[in-house]
């Protein structure tokens, strides 16, 4: 899967959650290409999520919500995920 397809898929899945108002997806894969743990075909994604509910929730619990929504992509297309709530 290419990054544009993955980004659209991530955005669509996250926006189905009523508490999430906006998602910004940043591909940071280029920063990790020379790392020993880099896996070709997997992406390093940063998410900036606008959600008042998740922003007020315990960080572990809010991350669990996102990891659950993106569980399939984490197995197949995402190597690392950085999440910030705005």
PDB file of N, CA and C in Angstrom:
ATOM      1  N   UNK A   1       0.855  -1.180   0.000  1.00  0.00           N
ATOM      2  CA  UNK A   1       0.000   0.000   0.000  1.00  0.00           C
ATOM      3  C   UNK A   1       0.899   1.242   0.000  1.00  0.00           C
ATOM      4  N   UNK A   2       0.509   2.234  -0.728  1.00  0.00           N
ATOM      5  CA  UNK A   2       1.264   3.486  -0.735  1.00  0.00           C
ATOM      6  C   UNK A   2       0.720   4.434   0.325  1.00  0.00           C
ATOM      7  N   UNK A   3       1.497   5.456   0.657  1.00  0.00           N
ATOM      8  CA  UNK A   3       1.172   6.340   1.779  1.00  0.00           C
ATOM      9  C   UNK A   3      -0.148   7.093   1.576  1.00  0.00           C
ATOM     10  N   UNK A   4      -0.461   7.493   0.359  1.00  0.00           N
ATOM     11  CA  UNK A   4      -1.714   8.227   0.138  1.00  0.00           C
ATOM     12  C   UNK A   4      -2.934   7.345   0.401  1.00  0.00           C
ATOM     13  N   UNK A   5      -2.860   6.089  -0.017  1.00  0.00           N
ATOM     14  CA  UNK A   5      -3.951   5.141   0.249  1.00  0.00           C
ATOM     15  C   UNK A   5      -4.081   4.892   1.749  1.00  0.00           C
ATOM     16  N   UNK A   6      -2.937   4.681   2.402  1.00  0.00           N
ATOM     17  CA  UNK A   6      -2.944   4.425   3.842  1.00  0.00           C
ATOM     18  C   UNK A   6      -3.485   5.630   4.608  1.00  0.00           C
ATOM     19  N   UNK A   7      -3.068   6.814   4.224  1.00  0.00           N
ATOM     20  CA  UNK A   7      -3.529   8.037   4.896  1.00  0.00           C
ATOM     21  C   UNK A   7      -5.045   8.179   4.807  1.00  0.00           C
ATOM     22  N   UNK A   8      -5.581   7.939   3.625  1.00  0.00           N
ATOM     23  CA  UNK A   8      -7.032   8.046   3.425  1.00  0.00           C
ATOM     24  C   UNK A   8      -7.762   6.995   4.257  1.00  0.00           C
ATOM     25  N   UNK A   9      -7.224   5.780   4.279  1.00  0.00           N
ATOM     26  CA  UNK A   9      -7.830   4.705   5.060  1.00  0.00           C
ATOM     27  C   UNK A   9      -7.816   5.043   6.552  1.00  0.00           C
ATOM     28  N   UNK A  10      -6.689   5.547   7.046  1.00  0.00           N
ATOM     29  CA  UNK A  10      -6.574   5.944   8.454  1.00  0.00           C
ATOM     30  C   UNK A  10      -7.567   7.050   8.772  1.00  0.00           C
ATOM     31  N   UNK A  11      -7.595   8.071   7.936  1.00  0.00           N
ATOM     32  CA  UNK A  11      -8.500   9.201   8.159  1.00  0.00           C
ATOM     33  C   UNK A  11      -9.958   8.737   8.202  1.00  0.00           C
ATOM     34  N   UNK A  12     -10.362   7.924   7.243  1.00  0.00           N
ATOM     35  CA  UNK A  12     -11.743   7.439   7.197  1.00  0.00           C
ATOM     36  C   UNK A  12     -12.103   6.650   8.447  1.00  0.00           C
ATOM     37  N   UNK A  13     -11.209   5.776   8.878  1.00  0.00           N
ATOM     38  CA  UNK A  13     -11.487   4.952  10.058  1.00  0.00           C
ATOM     39  C   UNK A  13     -11.587   5.815  11.316  1.00  0.00           C
ATOM     40  N   UNK A  14     -10.670   6.742  11.481  1.00  0.00           N
ATOM     41  CA  UNK A  14     -10.670   7.566  12.690  1.00  0.00           C
ATOM     42  C   UNK A  14     -11.865   8.513  12.746  1.00  0.00           C
ATOM     43  N   UNK A  15     -12.248   9.053  11.617  1.00  0.00           N
ATOM     44  CA  UNK A  15     -13.361  10.006  11.607  1.00  0.00           C
ATOM     45  C   UNK A  15     -14.716   9.333  11.814  1.00  0.00           C
ATOM     46  N   UNK A  16     -14.762   8.010  11.737  1.00  0.00           N
ATOM     47  CA  UNK A  16     -16.003   7.302  12.072  1.00  0.00           C
ATOM     48  C   UNK A  16     -16.294   7.380  13.564  1.00  0.00           C
ATOM     49  N   UNK A  17     -15.259   7.610  14.359  1.00  0.00           N
ATOM     50  CA  UNK A  17     -15.431   7.791  15.798  1.00  0.00           C
ATOM     51  C   UNK A  17     -15.971   9.206  16.014  1.00  0.00           C
ATOM     52  N   UNK A  18     -17.143   9.317  16.607  1.00  0.00           N
ATOM     53  CA  UNK A  18     -17.808  10.614  16.766  1.00  0.00           C
ATOM     54  C   UNK A  18     -17.041  11.612  17.610  1.00  0.00           C
ATOM     55  N   UNK A  19     -16.119  11.142  18.440  1.00  0.00           N
ATOM     56  CA  UNK A  19     -15.371  12.063  19.297  1.00  0.00           C
ATOM     57  C   UNK A  19     -14.223  12.738  18.551  1.00  0.00           C
ATOM     58  N   UNK A  20     -13.852  12.210  17.386  1.00  0.00           N
ATOM     59  CA  UNK A  20     -12.736  12.763  16.615  1.00  0.00           C
ATOM     60  C   UNK A  20     -13.274  13.726  15.564  1.00  0.00           C
ATOM     61  N   UNK A  21     -12.799  14.962  15.641  1.00  0.00           N
ATOM     62  CA  UNK A  21     -13.292  16.007  14.736  1.00  0.00           C
ATOM     63  C   UNK A  21     -12.404  16.217  13.515  1.00  0.00           C
ATOM     64  N   UNK A  22     -11.096  16.027  13.686  1.00  0.00           N
ATOM     65  CA  UNK A  22     -10.149  16.250  12.593  1.00  0.00           C
ATOM     66  C   UNK A  22      -8.901  15.409  12.841  1.00  0.00           C
ATOM     67  N   UNK A  23      -8.273  14.969  11.753  1.00  0.00           N
ATOM     68  CA  UNK A  23      -7.041  14.181  11.845  1.00  0.00           C
ATOM     69  C   UNK A  23      -6.030  14.735  10.844  1.00  0.00           C
ATOM     70  N   UNK A  24      -4.826  14.983  11.325  1.00  0.00           N
ATOM     71  CA  UNK A  24      -3.720  15.341  10.440  1.00  0.00           C
ATOM     72  C   UNK A  24      -2.750  14.169  10.460  1.00  0.00           C
ATOM     73  N   UNK A  25      -2.395  13.669   9.289  1.00  0.00           N
ATOM     74  CA  UNK A  25      -1.526  12.503   9.164  1.00  0.00           C
ATOM     75  C   UNK A  25      -0.208  12.947   8.534  1.00  0.00           C
ATOM     76  N   UNK A  26       0.881  12.662   9.238  1.00  0.00           N
ATOM     77  CA  UNK A  26       2.207  13.064   8.775  1.00  0.00           C
ATOM     78  C   UNK A  26       3.045  11.793   8.595  1.00  0.00           C
ATOM     79  N   UNK A  27       3.623  11.648   7.414  1.00  0.00           N
ATOM     80  CA  UNK A  27       4.483  10.495   7.122  1.00  0.00           C
ATOM     81  C   UNK A  27       5.927  10.862   7.479  1.00  0.00           C
ATOM     82  N   UNK A  28       6.462  10.225   8.524  1.00  0.00           N
ATOM     83  CA  UNK A  28       7.840  10.462   8.950  1.00  0.00           C
ATOM     84  C   UNK A  28       8.764   9.310   8.562  1.00  0.00           C
ATOM     85  N   UNK A  29       8.343   8.491   7.626  1.00  0.00           N
ATOM     86  CA  UNK A  29       9.127   7.329   7.230  1.00  0.00           C
ATOM     87  C   UNK A  29      10.520   7.725   6.743  1.00  0.00           C
ATOM     88  N   UNK A  30      10.606   8.829   6.031  1.00  0.00           N
ATOM     89  CA  UNK A  30      11.896   9.261   5.481  1.00  0.00           C
ATOM     90  C   UNK A  30      12.956   9.479   6.560  1.00  0.00           C
ATOM     91  N   UNK A  31      12.545   9.754   7.784  1.00  0.00           N
ATOM     92  CA  UNK A  31      13.485   9.974   8.891  1.00  0.00           C
ATOM     93  C   UNK A  31      14.062   8.659   9.423  1.00  0.00           C
ATOM     94  N   UNK A  32      13.496   7.537   9.026  1.00  0.00           N
ATOM     95  CA  UNK A  32      13.854   6.239   9.605  1.00  0.00           C
ATOM     96  C   UNK A  32      14.399   5.234   8.588  1.00  0.00           C
ATOM     97  N   UNK A  33      14.623   5.649   7.362  1.00  0.00           N
ATOM     98  CA  UNK A  33      15.025   4.720   6.304  1.00  0.00           C
ATOM     99  C   UNK A  33      16.337   3.997   6.600  1.00  0.00           C
ATOM    100  N   UNK A  34      17.254   4.642   7.310  1.00  0.00           N
ATOM    101  CA  UNK A  34      18.562   4.032   7.577  1.00  0.00           C
ATOM    102  C   UNK A  34      18.621   3.284   8.906  1.00  0.00           C
ATOM    103  N   UNK A  35      17.528   3.248   9.639  1.00  0.00           N
ATOM    104  CA  UNK A  35      17.511   2.529  10.913  1.00  0.00           C
ATOM    105  C   UNK A  35      17.525   1.024  10.671  1.00  0.00           C
ATOM    106  N   UNK A  36      18.201   0.299  11.539  1.00  0.00           N
ATOM    107  CA  UNK A  36      18.264  -1.157  11.414  1.00  0.00           C
ATOM    108  C   UNK A  36      16.888  -1.799  11.486  1.00  0.00           C
ATOM    109  N   UNK A  37      15.999  -1.213  12.258  1.00  0.00           N
ATOM    110  CA  UNK A  37      14.667  -1.802  12.446  1.00  0.00           C
ATOM    111  C   UNK A  37      13.666  -1.399  11.362  1.00  0.00           C
ATOM    112  N   UNK A  38      14.099  -0.584  10.409  1.00  0.00           N
ATOM    113  CA  UNK A  38      13.176  -0.144   9.339  1.00  0.00           C
ATOM    114  C   UNK A  38      12.694  -1.351   8.527  1.00  0.00           C
ATOM    115  N   UNK A  39      11.403  -1.407   8.317  1.00  0.00           N
ATOM    116  CA  UNK A  39      10.803  -2.488   7.531  1.00  0.00           C
ATOM    117  C   UNK A  39      10.245  -1.885   6.252  1.00  0.00           C
ATOM    118  N   UNK A  40      10.772  -2.316   5.133  1.00  0.00           N
ATOM    119  CA  UNK A  40      10.307  -1.812   3.843  1.00  0.00           C
ATOM    120  C   UNK A  40       8.813  -2.093   3.693  1.00  0.00           C
ATOM    121  N   UNK A  41       8.073  -1.097   3.254  1.00  0.00           N
ATOM    122  CA  UNK A  41       6.639  -1.248   3.068  1.00  0.00           C
ATOM    123  C   UNK A  41       5.812  -0.892   4.290  1.00  0.00           C
ATOM    124  N   UNK A  42       6.492  -0.566   5.387  1.00  0.00           N
ATOM    125  CA  UNK A  42       5.784  -0.136   6.599  1.00  0.00           C
ATOM    126  C   UNK A  42       6.159   1.316   6.876  1.00  0.00           C
ATOM    127  N   UNK A  43       5.204   2.057   7.405  1.00  0.00           N
ATOM    128  CA  UNK A  43       5.359   3.493   7.544  1.00  0.00           C
ATOM    129  C   UNK A  43       5.474   3.938   9.007  1.00  0.00           C
ATOM    130  N   UNK A  44       6.151   5.069   9.178  1.00  0.00           N
ATOM    131  CA  UNK A  44       6.248   5.745  10.467  1.00  0.00           C
ATOM    132  C   UNK A  44       5.277   6.923  10.392  1.00  0.00           C
ATOM    133  N   UNK A  45       4.204   6.834  11.128  1.00  0.00           N
ATOM    134  CA  UNK A  45       3.108   7.795  11.022  1.00  0.00           C
ATOM    135  C   UNK A  45       2.988   8.620  12.307  1.00  0.00           C
ATOM    136  N   UNK A  46       2.774   9.916  12.119  1.00  0.00           N
ATOM    137  CA  UNK A  46       2.451  10.800  13.234  1.00  0.00           C
ATOM    138  C   UNK A  46       1.020  11.268  13.022  1.00  0.00           C
ATOM    139  N   UNK A  47       0.203  11.153  14.060  1.00  0.00           N
ATOM    140  CA  UNK A  47      -1.185  11.605  14.009  1.00  0.00           C
ATOM    141  C   UNK A  47      -1.384  12.780  14.940  1.00  0.00           C
ATOM    142  N   UNK A  48      -2.007  13.812  14.439  1.00  0.00           N
ATOM    143  CA  UNK A  48      -2.465  14.927  15.270  1.00  0.00           C
ATOM    144  C   UNK A  48      -3.984  14.872  15.209  1.00  0.00           C
ATOM    145  N   UNK A  49      -4.577  14.545  16.337  1.00  0.00           N
ATOM    146  CA  UNK A  49      -6.009  14.277  16.394  1.00  0.00           C
ATOM    147  C   UNK A  49      -6.716  15.341  17.213  1.00  0.00           C
ATOM    148  N   UNK A  50      -7.737  15.936  16.603  1.00  0.00           N
ATOM    149  CA  UNK A  50      -8.553  16.923  17.301  1.00  0.00           C
ATOM    150  C   UNK A  50      -9.744  16.205  17.911  1.00  0.00           C
ATOM    151  N   UNK A  51      -9.686  16.042  19.229  1.00  0.00           N
ATOM    152  CA  UNK A  51     -10.774  15.386  19.951  1.00  0.00           C
ATOM    153  C   UNK A  51     -10.762  15.869  21.390  1.00  0.00           C
ATOM    154  N   UNK A  52     -11.759  16.631  21.744  1.00  0.00           N
ATOM    155  CA  UNK A  52     -11.841  17.131  23.119  1.00  0.00           C
ATOM    156  C   UNK A  52     -11.967  15.990  24.123  1.00  0.00           C
ATOM    157  N   UNK A  53     -12.718  14.970  23.766  1.00  0.00           N
ATOM    158  CA  UNK A  53     -12.928  13.836  24.679  1.00  0.00           C
ATOM    159  C   UNK A  53     -11.632  13.078  24.900  1.00  0.00           C
ATOM    160  N   UNK A  54     -10.943  12.717  23.817  1.00  0.00           N
ATOM    161  CA  UNK A  54      -9.697  11.963  23.958  1.00  0.00           C
ATOM    162  C   UNK A  54      -8.583  12.806  24.568  1.00  0.00           C
ATOM    163  N   UNK A  55      -8.624  14.094  24.322  1.00  0.00           N
ATOM    164  CA  UNK A  55      -7.622  14.994  24.904  1.00  0.00           C
ATOM    165  C   UNK A  55      -7.744  15.030  26.429  1.00  0.00           C
ATOM    166  N   UNK A  56      -8.954  14.922  26.933  1.00  0.00           N
ATOM    167  CA  UNK A  56      -9.201  14.975  28.377  1.00  0.00           C
ATOM    168  C   UNK A  56      -9.043  13.606  29.040  1.00  0.00           C
ATOM    169  N   UNK A  57      -8.958  12.568  28.219  1.00  0.00           N
ATOM    170  CA  UNK A  57      -8.858  11.202  28.732  1.00  0.00           C
ATOM    171  C   UNK A  57      -7.409  10.883  29.071  1.00  0.00           C
ATOM    172  N   UNK A  58      -7.225   9.967  29.996  1.00  0.00           N
ATOM    173  CA  UNK A  58      -5.907   9.452  30.335  1.00  0.00           C
ATOM    174  C   UNK A  58      -5.177   9.056  29.053  1.00  0.00           C
ATOM    175  N   UNK A  59      -3.911   9.398  28.931  1.00  0.00           N
ATOM    176  CA  UNK A  59      -3.124   9.167  27.715  1.00  0.00           C
ATOM    177  C   UNK A  59      -3.138   7.684  27.293  1.00  0.00           C
ATOM    178  N   UNK A  60      -2.996   6.790  28.242  1.00  0.00           N
ATOM    179  CA  UNK A  60      -2.994   5.357  27.924  1.00  0.00           C
ATOM    180  C   UNK A  60      -4.339   4.939  27.342  1.00  0.00           C
ATOM    181  N   UNK A  61      -5.415   5.393  27.947  1.00  0.00           N
ATOM    182  CA  UNK A  61      -6.751   5.031  27.463  1.00  0.00           C
ATOM    183  C   UNK A  61      -7.033   5.631  26.083  1.00  0.00           C
ATOM    184  N   UNK A  62      -6.642   6.876  25.878  1.00  0.00           N
ATOM    185  CA  UNK A  62      -6.894   7.507  24.576  1.00  0.00           C
ATOM    186  C   UNK A  62      -6.072   6.827  23.477  1.00  0.00           C
ATOM    187  N   UNK A  63      -4.829   6.449  23.778  1.00  0.00           N
ATOM    188  CA  UNK A  63      -4.015   5.735  22.791  1.00  0.00           C
ATOM    189  C   UNK A  63      -4.606   4.364  22.485  1.00  0.00           C
ATOM    190  N   UNK A  64      -5.160   3.708  23.492  1.00  0.00           N
ATOM    191  CA  UNK A  64      -5.793   2.401  23.272  1.00  0.00           C
ATOM    192  C   UNK A  64      -6.951   2.511  22.296  1.00  0.00           C
ATOM    193  N   UNK A  65      -7.702   3.591  22.381  1.00  0.00           N
ATOM    194  CA  UNK A  65      -8.817   3.809  21.450  1.00  0.00           C
ATOM    195  C   UNK A  65      -8.288   3.864  20.021  1.00  0.00           C
ATOM    196  N   UNK A  66      -7.227   4.621  19.805  1.00  0.00           N
ATOM    197  CA  UNK A  66      -6.657   4.771  18.465  1.00  0.00           C
ATOM    198  C   UNK A  66      -6.049   3.455  17.982  1.00  0.00           C
ATOM    199  N   UNK A  67      -5.324   2.776  18.865  1.00  0.00           N
ATOM    200  CA  UNK A  67      -4.725   1.490  18.485  1.00  0.00           C
ATOM    201  C   UNK A  67      -5.785   0.453  18.124  1.00  0.00           C
ATOM    202  N   UNK A  68      -6.902   0.491  18.814  1.00  0.00           N
ATOM    203  CA  UNK A  68      -7.986  -0.451  18.505  1.00  0.00           C
ATOM    204  C   UNK A  68      -8.578  -0.148  17.122  1.00  0.00           C
ATOM    205  N   UNK A  69      -8.806   1.124  16.845  1.00  0.00           N
ATOM    206  CA  UNK A  69      -9.365   1.520  15.547  1.00  0.00           C
ATOM    207  C   UNK A  69      -8.425   1.124  14.408  1.00  0.00           C
ATOM    208  N   UNK A  70      -7.120   1.272  14.629  1.00  0.00           N
ATOM    209  CA  UNK A  70      -6.138   1.022  13.583  1.00  0.00           C
ATOM    210  C   UNK A  70      -5.433  -0.331  13.729  1.00  0.00           C
ATOM    211  N   UNK A  71      -6.050  -1.260  14.421  1.00  0.00           N
ATOM    212  CA  UNK A  71      -5.393  -2.545  14.706  1.00  0.00           C
ATOM    213  C   UNK A  71      -4.948  -3.285  13.440  1.00  0.00           C
ATOM    214  N   UNK A  72      -5.764  -3.284  12.421  1.00  0.00           N
ATOM    215  CA  UNK A  72      -5.416  -3.972  11.167  1.00  0.00           C
ATOM    216  C   UNK A  72      -4.205  -3.321  10.503  1.00  0.00           C
ATOM    217  N   UNK A  73      -4.204  -1.999  10.426  1.00  0.00           N
ATOM    218  CA  UNK A  73      -3.119  -1.269   9.777  1.00  0.00           C
ATOM    219  C   UNK A  73      -1.814  -1.401  10.562  1.00  0.00           C
ATOM    220  N   UNK A  74      -1.905  -1.493  11.869  1.00  0.00           N
ATOM    221  CA  UNK A  74      -0.708  -1.671  12.694  1.00  0.00           C
ATOM    222  C   UNK A  74      -0.051  -3.028  12.434  1.00  0.00           C
ATOM    223  N   UNK A  75      -0.824  -4.006  12.067  1.00  0.00           N
ATOM    224  CA  UNK A  75      -0.275  -5.326  11.759  1.00  0.00           C
ATOM    225  C   UNK A  75       0.369  -5.358  10.372  1.00  0.00           C
ATOM    226  N   UNK A  76      -0.191  -4.597   9.433  1.00  0.00           N
ATOM    227  CA  UNK A  76       0.225  -4.745   8.040  1.00  0.00           C
ATOM    228  C   UNK A  76       1.006  -3.576   7.446  1.00  0.00           C
ATOM    229  N   UNK A  77       0.701  -2.339   7.851  1.00  0.00           N
ATOM    230  CA  UNK A  77       1.241  -1.176   7.136  1.00  0.00           C
ATOM    231  C   UNK A  77       1.972  -0.143   7.990  1.00  0.00           C
ATOM    232  N   UNK A  78       1.797  -0.181   9.282  1.00  0.00           N
ATOM    233  CA  UNK A  78       2.386   0.847  10.156  1.00  0.00           C
ATOM    234  C   UNK A  78       3.454   0.208  11.038  1.00  0.00           C
ATOM    235  N   UNK A  79       4.659   0.767  10.958  1.00  0.00           N
ATOM    236  CA  UNK A  79       5.753   0.302  11.811  1.00  0.00           C
ATOM    237  C   UNK A  79       5.720   1.023  13.152  1.00  0.00           C
ATOM    238  N   UNK A  80       5.499   2.338  13.102  1.00  0.00           N
ATOM    239  CA  UNK A  80       5.418   3.098  14.351  1.00  0.00           C
ATOM    240  C   UNK A  80       4.340   4.166  14.232  1.00  0.00           C
ATOM    241  N   UNK A  81       3.776   4.487  15.379  1.00  0.00           N
ATOM    242  CA  UNK A  81       2.665   5.432  15.435  1.00  0.00           C
ATOM    243  C   UNK A  81       2.905   6.410  16.580  1.00  0.00           C
ATOM    244  N   UNK A  82       2.967   7.687  16.247  1.00  0.00           N
ATOM    245  CA  UNK A  82       3.100   8.743  17.244  1.00  0.00           C
ATOM    246  C   UNK A  82       1.775   9.501  17.254  1.00  0.00           C
ATOM    247  N   UNK A  83       1.205   9.660  18.433  1.00  0.00           N
ATOM    248  CA  UNK A  83      -0.127  10.263  18.543  1.00  0.00           C
ATOM    249  C   UNK A  83      -0.081  11.480  19.440  1.00  0.00           C
ATOM    250  N   UNK A  84      -0.660  12.575  18.963  1.00  0.00           N
ATOM    251  CA  UNK A  84      -0.844  13.739  19.820  1.00  0.00           C
ATOM    252  C   UNK A  84      -2.293  14.202  19.679  1.00  0.00           C
ATOM    253  N   UNK A  85      -2.848  14.644  20.786  1.00  0.00           N
ATOM    254  CA  UNK A  85      -4.233  15.104  20.815  1.00  0.00           C
ATOM    255  C   UNK A  85      -4.240  16.610  20.974  1.00  0.00           C
ATOM    256  N   UNK A  86      -4.965  17.260  20.082  1.00  0.00           N
ATOM    257  CA  UNK A  86      -4.984  18.732  20.094  1.00  0.00           C
ATOM    258  C   UNK A  86      -6.401  19.229  20.312  1.00  0.00           C
TER     259      UNK A  86
END
